[in-house]
Amino acid sequence: MKKRFISLLVSLLVLTALVLPAGAASVDLADPEALLPVDIIIDQDSREIRKVYDLSPNMDPATLPMEAFERDGSRYECTDILREVVIGSETQTITQTETVDSAKKDMETVLELLPQEKETTTEDGFTGTLHLVLDSIKTEPAGYGSSTKPVTATRSYPNLASADANHLPKTITEGGRTLKLQDIQWQTDNTYNADDYEIGDRFTAICTYGGSKSVSYVTGYTTTANYTGEVYRTGVTVIRYTVIFTGTPIASVDPEPVAKEEQPQAGAGWPVMTVLGLAALAAGAGGTYFVMKRKERMSYEETADDGRGGADAHHGDGHDGHGGRV
């Protein structure tokens, strides 16, 4: 009997494993890359769910989640998609750099070339008024040129005995440059002494030396300045899509179990059913074991009674024999 009871418990455990659903402990994880709706509108009376998504104009609406799903005993499928263009305005602060050329670098000349404000339109379609930032003005030379200029120097050589240029220097150094003799101007001095002795003429040479030098100069100036301000644009900002799901009740042969299985909130239904089933099966197994033991005890008692009755009959027959002999 003990072997039968153990076999019954093993059968009970196997039945419990078959009764538990395979997906009872599974968790439905949401796709992390799925688009999130900005609004969800639920109409329980009409079994309609609307999910609203805001996409940029360059996004593909095919990426919207449109798969069917189950909720509260109904299966919802996508039945329609609405598209709405949301028009609004955008503003932003920008800075632009202006470049101008000038012959001079003084601030008066530069400011004449730079207006205090200017209108602008960006490549993205933003428009607005920008204002000059005075602290951002920078002026630098745009380039350099060079030219050659003549250089002259004069030297005087007095008290010469004769007007002979051979005794004069042909070159001189002036400011680090070598100048050549270009012209001579002679002057004569006559003197007379007290003894009427005539003294010869003395000469003074006025020499002009000349050459050239290279001079570099700035060809012009370039000035840069920043303009800053707030610009705006009006146009399409987002495309709003409304995905409409319509639900239909899920048909079932056994409404009660199906309702308990498909309701996510009734997650503890399976453990309760399992406990009740185990309790029922255990009670049945205990009752069966009790009945079998009862039958075994009754059978044992009947066998014992039969043994005692045979002994009494044999004892009676002996008594009668004894009496006959008497």
Foldseek 3Di string as FASTA:
>chain_A
DVVVLVVLVVVLVVVLVVLDDPCLPPDDDDDPPAAAFPDWDADPVQQKIKGKHKAFPPDDPVSHDQDWDDDLQWIKGWDDKDKDFDWDKDKDKDKDKDKDWFADDDPVRVCVVDDQKDWDADPVGWTDMWGWDVVFKDKDFPDKDKDKDKDKDKDKAWFAQDPDCVVPDQWDADPNDIWGWDDKDKDWDWDADPVRDTDDIIIMIIIMTMDMDMDMDGRIMMMMTMIMDMIMHIDTGIMMMMTMIHIDGDDDPDVPVVSLVPHPVNSCVSVVVSVVSSVVSVVVSVVVVVVVVVVVVVVVVVVVVVVVVVVVVVVVVVVVVVVVVD
